[in-house]
Amino acid sequence: GILDFPAETDRIIINIGPNLNPALPHRPNTEVLALEPMVGCRITGLRNPHVHIIHAAVGANSSLAQMNWYHVNAESSSFSHPTVRANWNNNPKTNRGKKIVPVIGMSDIFKAIP
């Protein structure tokens, strides 16, 4: 693997799209990889030394992609377009448009873990 965790680490939680609240370690010797593509999303838990925020989406292959970004605090994002028009996805104040984000292939994530 490429990532370097403390030698006593025996569990890694991969949290894909944590939004505002990433998973937190629930026992000793646990590290969390939180993959959130929206830079600027007000993610909590940033001061926890065992939570590692990676600003990228996850897909089948590593690439770049456009993601739809919704809500005032970037609380919702998707590669897909909404199937239903609603205030949160159709209001100019909350529909923040498309953002280009890096995409990490799931197999690349697994390869990076020791």
Protein backbone atom coordinates (compact mmCIF):
# COMPACT_ATOMS: atom_id res chain seq x y z
CA GLY A 1 0.00 0.00 0.00
CA ILE A 2 0.91 3.64 -0.38
CA LEU A 3 -0.85 5.08 2.68
CA ASP A 4 1.07 5.08 5.95
CA PHE A 5 -1.00 4.48 9.08
CA PRO A 6 0.19 3.84 12.64
CA ALA A 7 1.54 0.31 13.08
CA GLU A 8 -1.23 -0.56 15.56
CA THR A 9 -4.01 0.20 13.02
CA ASP A 10 -6.13 -2.90 12.59
CA ARG A 11 -9.27 -1.44 11.00
CA ILE A 12 -9.87 1.12 8.24
CA ILE A 13 -13.33 2.51 7.57
CA ILE A 14 -13.89 3.75 4.00
CA ASN A 15 -16.65 6.36 4.15
CA ILE A 16 -17.81 7.29 0.64
CA GLY A 17 -19.67 10.58 0.44
CA PRO A 18 -19.74 11.46 4.13
CA ASN A 19 -21.46 14.75 3.40
CA LEU A 20 -21.19 16.91 6.52
CA ASN A 21 -20.61 14.14 9.05
CA PRO A 22 -17.97 11.51 8.31
CA ALA A 23 -17.90 8.25 10.18
CA LEU A 24 -15.81 8.47 13.33
CA PRO A 25 -13.59 5.72 14.72
CA HIS A 26 -15.72 3.71 17.14
CA ARG A 27 -12.86 1.78 18.69
CA PRO A 28 -9.09 2.13 19.18
CA ASN A 29 -6.70 1.41 16.33
CA THR A 30 -9.20 2.53 13.68
CA GLU A 31 -8.57 5.02 10.88
CA VAL A 32 -11.25 6.56 8.64
CA LEU A 33 -10.82 7.47 4.96
CA ALA A 34 -13.67 9.87 4.16
CA LEU A 35 -14.01 10.52 0.42
CA GLU A 36 -16.04 13.70 -0.15
CA PRO A 37 -15.73 15.29 -3.59
CA MET A 38 -17.08 18.71 -2.71
CA VAL A 39 -14.25 20.95 -1.58
CA GLY A 40 -15.72 23.56 0.71
CA CYS A 41 -18.34 21.22 2.12
CA ARG A 42 -18.52 22.03 5.84
CA ILE A 43 -17.30 18.65 7.03
CA THR A 44 -17.19 18.06 10.77
CA GLY A 45 -14.57 15.88 12.45
CA LEU A 46 -11.64 17.57 10.75
CA ARG A 47 -9.76 17.83 14.03
CA ASN A 48 -9.88 14.11 14.67
CA PRO A 49 -6.38 12.79 13.81
CA HIS A 50 -7.88 9.42 12.78
CA VAL A 51 -10.26 10.90 10.18
CA HIS A 52 -8.63 11.57 6.81
CA ILE A 53 -10.67 13.67 4.36
CA ILE A 54 -9.92 12.99 0.69
CA HIS A 55 -11.58 15.43 -1.70
CA ALA A 56 -12.54 13.02 -4.49
CA ALA A 57 -15.49 11.03 -5.72
CA VAL A 58 -15.33 7.25 -6.06
CA GLY A 59 -16.03 5.37 -9.28
CA ALA A 60 -15.08 2.29 -11.21
CA ASN A 61 -11.98 3.99 -12.64
CA SER A 62 -9.85 6.99 -11.76
CA SER A 63 -10.70 10.04 -13.88
CA LEU A 64 -12.30 13.48 -13.76
CA ALA A 65 -16.06 13.98 -13.83
CA GLN A 66 -18.69 16.67 -13.52
CA MET A 67 -20.78 16.56 -10.41
CA ASN A 68 -24.01 18.45 -9.73
CA TRP A 69 -23.71 20.44 -6.51
CA TYR A 70 -26.81 21.37 -4.55
CA HIS A 71 -27.78 23.19 -1.39
CA VAL A 72 -26.35 26.21 0.37
CA ASN A 73 -23.70 24.32 2.31
CA ALA A 74 -22.93 21.78 -0.44
CA GLU A 75 -24.94 19.18 1.43
CA SER A 76 -25.86 17.22 -1.67
CA SER A 77 -23.96 16.24 -4.78
CA SER A 78 -24.46 13.67 -7.50
CA PHE A 79 -23.18 12.56 -10.88
CA SER A 80 -26.84 12.14 -11.89
CA HIS A 81 -29.46 14.77 -12.53
CA PRO A 82 -32.45 14.90 -10.16
CA THR A 83 -35.44 12.88 -11.30
CA VAL A 84 -37.85 15.29 -9.59
CA ARG A 85 -37.73 19.09 -9.61
CA ALA A 86 -37.75 20.47 -6.08
CA ASN A 87 -36.79 23.70 -4.37
CA TRP A 88 -33.43 22.31 -3.20
CA ASN A 89 -32.34 21.31 -6.73
CA ASN A 90 -34.08 23.94 -8.87
CA ASN A 91 -33.64 27.14 -6.87
CA PRO A 92 -30.80 29.37 -8.20
CA LYS A 93 -29.78 30.07 -4.59
CA THR A 94 -29.28 26.38 -3.79
CA ASN A 95 -28.37 24.82 -7.16
CA ARG A 96 -24.67 25.59 -7.27
CA GLY A 97 -24.15 24.09 -10.72
CA LYS A 98 -21.62 21.57 -11.98
CA LYS A 99 -18.15 21.16 -10.54
CA ILE A 100 -15.30 19.16 -12.01
CA VAL A 101 -14.06 16.70 -9.41
CA PRO A 102 -11.36 14.02 -9.31
CA VAL A 103 -12.63 10.45 -9.26
CA ILE A 104 -10.61 7.69 -7.59
CA GLY A 105 -11.22 4.14 -8.73
CA MET A 106 -12.30 1.85 -5.88
CA SER A 107 -9.57 -0.64 -6.78
CA ASP A 108 -6.99 2.18 -6.49
CA ILE A 109 -8.24 2.93 -2.97
CA PHE A 110 -7.84 -0.71 -1.98
CA LYS A 111 -4.34 -0.85 -3.50
CA ALA A 112 -3.26 2.20 -1.46
CA ILE A 113 -4.20 0.63 1.88
CA PRO A 114 -1.36 -1.31 3.48
